[in-house]
Structure formats: C-alpha cells, structure tokens
C-alpha atoms as a PDB file:
ATOM      1  CA  UNK A   1      23.222  35.763   5.132  1.00  0.00           C
ATOM      2  CA  UNK A   2      19.958  34.189   6.276  1.00  0.00           C
ATOM      3  CA  UNK A   3      20.105  31.029   8.326  1.00  0.00           C
ATOM      4  CA  UNK A   4      17.120  28.772   8.588  1.00  0.00           C
ATOM      5  CA  UNK A   5      16.966  26.329  11.455  1.00  0.00           C
ATOM      6  CA  UNK A   6      15.618  22.956  10.332  1.00  0.00           C
ATOM      7  CA  UNK A   7      14.745  20.198  12.729  1.00  0.00           C
ATOM      8  CA  UNK A   8      16.763  17.417  11.094  1.00  0.00           C
ATOM      9  CA  UNK A   9      15.031  14.714  13.113  1.00  0.00           C
ATOM     10  CA  UNK A  10      11.635  15.734  11.716  1.00  0.00           C
ATOM     11  CA  UNK A  11      12.957  16.428   8.232  1.00  0.00           C
ATOM     12  CA  UNK A  12      14.741  13.092   7.826  1.00  0.00           C
ATOM     13  CA  UNK A  13      12.737  10.706  10.010  1.00  0.00           C
ATOM     14  CA  UNK A  14       9.943   8.446   8.848  1.00  0.00           C
ATOM     15  CA  UNK A  15       7.726   6.267  11.011  1.00  0.00           C
ATOM     16  CA  UNK A  16       6.781   2.624  10.506  1.00  0.00           C
ATOM     17  CA  UNK A  17       3.281   2.256  11.955  1.00  0.00           C
ATOM     18  CA  UNK A  18       1.733  -1.085  12.926  1.00  0.00           C
ATOM     19  CA  UNK A  19      -2.076  -1.175  12.804  1.00  0.00           C
ATOM     20  CA  UNK A  20      -4.401  -3.575  14.575  1.00  0.00           C
ATOM     21  CA  UNK A  21      -6.328  -6.166  12.562  1.00  0.00           C
ATOM     22  CA  UNK A  22      -8.345  -9.324  13.111  1.00  0.00           C
ATOM     23  CA  UNK A  23      -6.133 -11.505  10.899  1.00  0.00           C
ATOM     24  CA  UNK A  24      -2.659 -11.743  12.433  1.00  0.00           C
ATOM     25  CA  UNK A  25      -2.000 -13.471  15.756  1.00  0.00           C
ATOM     26  CA  UNK A  26      -0.018 -11.978  18.620  1.00  0.00           C
ATOM     27  CA  UNK A  27       2.681 -14.603  18.141  1.00  0.00           C
ATOM     28  CA  UNK A  28       3.065 -13.823  14.431  1.00  0.00           C
ATOM     29  CA  UNK A  29       3.238 -10.066  15.089  1.00  0.00           C
ATOM     30  CA  UNK A  30       5.826 -10.531  17.856  1.00  0.00           C
ATOM     31  CA  UNK A  31       8.037 -12.769  15.722  1.00  0.00           C
ATOM     32  CA  UNK A  32       7.708 -10.367  12.767  1.00  0.00           C
ATOM     33  CA  UNK A  33       8.709  -7.347  14.871  1.00  0.00           C
ATOM     34  CA  UNK A  34      11.742  -9.244  16.113  1.00  0.00           C
ATOM     35  CA  UNK A  35      12.793 -10.229  12.579  1.00  0.00           C
ATOM     36  CA  UNK A  36      11.961  -7.024  10.702  1.00  0.00           C
ATOM     37  CA  UNK A  37      12.664  -4.340  13.315  1.00  0.00           C
ATOM     38  CA  UNK A  38      15.213  -6.236  15.434  1.00  0.00           C
ATOM     39  CA  UNK A  39      13.034  -5.733  18.537  1.00  0.00           C
ATOM     40  CA  UNK A  40      13.723  -7.719  21.675  1.00  0.00           C
ATOM     41  CA  UNK A  41      10.985 -10.080  22.860  1.00  0.00           C
ATOM     42  CA  UNK A  42       9.928  -7.502  25.450  1.00  0.00           C
ATOM     43  CA  UNK A  43       9.780  -4.636  22.930  1.00  0.00           C
ATOM     44  CA  UNK A  44       7.772  -6.730  20.475  1.00  0.00           C
ATOM     45  CA  UNK A  45       5.313  -7.833  23.170  1.00  0.00           C
ATOM     46  CA  UNK A  46       4.833  -4.254  24.364  1.00  0.00           C
ATOM     47  CA  UNK A  47       4.231  -2.994  20.820  1.00  0.00           C
ATOM     48  CA  UNK A  48       1.710  -5.755  20.170  1.00  0.00           C
ATOM     49  CA  UNK A  49      -0.201  -4.848  23.346  1.00  0.00           C
ATOM     50  CA  UNK A  50      -0.192  -1.132  22.481  1.00  0.00           C
ATOM     51  CA  UNK A  51      -1.577  -1.968  19.031  1.00  0.00           C
ATOM     52  CA  UNK A  52      -4.202  -4.249  20.545  1.00  0.00           C
ATOM     53  CA  UNK A  53      -5.492  -1.579  22.949  1.00  0.00           C
ATOM     54  CA  UNK A  54      -4.776   1.665  21.039  1.00  0.00           C
ATOM     55  CA  UNK A  55      -5.228   0.496  17.422  1.00  0.00           C
ATOM     56  CA  UNK A  56      -1.771   1.480  16.176  1.00  0.00           C
ATOM     57  CA  UNK A  57       1.822   1.919  17.291  1.00  0.00           C
ATOM     58  CA  UNK A  58       5.010   3.361  15.841  1.00  0.00           C
ATOM     59  CA  UNK A  59       7.360   0.369  15.747  1.00  0.00           C
ATOM     60  CA  UNK A  60      10.386   1.891  14.027  1.00  0.00           C
ATOM     61  CA  UNK A  61      11.668   5.194  12.689  1.00  0.00           C
ATOM     62  CA  UNK A  62      14.470   6.465  10.537  1.00  0.00           C
ATOM     63  CA  UNK A  63      15.374   7.695   7.096  1.00  0.00           C
ATOM     64  CA  UNK A  64      14.363   5.930   3.917  1.00  0.00           C
ATOM     65  CA  UNK A  65      17.345   4.243   2.301  1.00  0.00           C
END
C-alpha cells in the first residue's frame, strides 16, 4: 500500500485577493470588507493599508462552496 501525504490546507484552500485601484475609496473598501468578509474595523483598516502600500492583500481564504 502506497500512502501519499497531501497538504489539505493547500489542496482545499483558495485565496480572495484585494487589489489596489484608483476608483474605490478607503471608506468603501473598509465597509465592504466588513460586510463581505466579516472583518472587524481594525482588520479591514489594516487590509486597506496593506493594499494601498503593497498593491494587493489576501483578505480571506477557504474552500469554494
């Protein structure tokens, strides 16, 4: 019997990436992250700042349902 070790986290996990743009305001992005991803105000603000300075940020992860 051959066993193959599979990293289930990598195999089953997808990332939701937020990219920077010149259209959406910080306030709109923060409110959207709170509504869509159930982020706290602090999490949403931190993600928006990471996106602003780095260009993108992983805002959520999980399996596709």
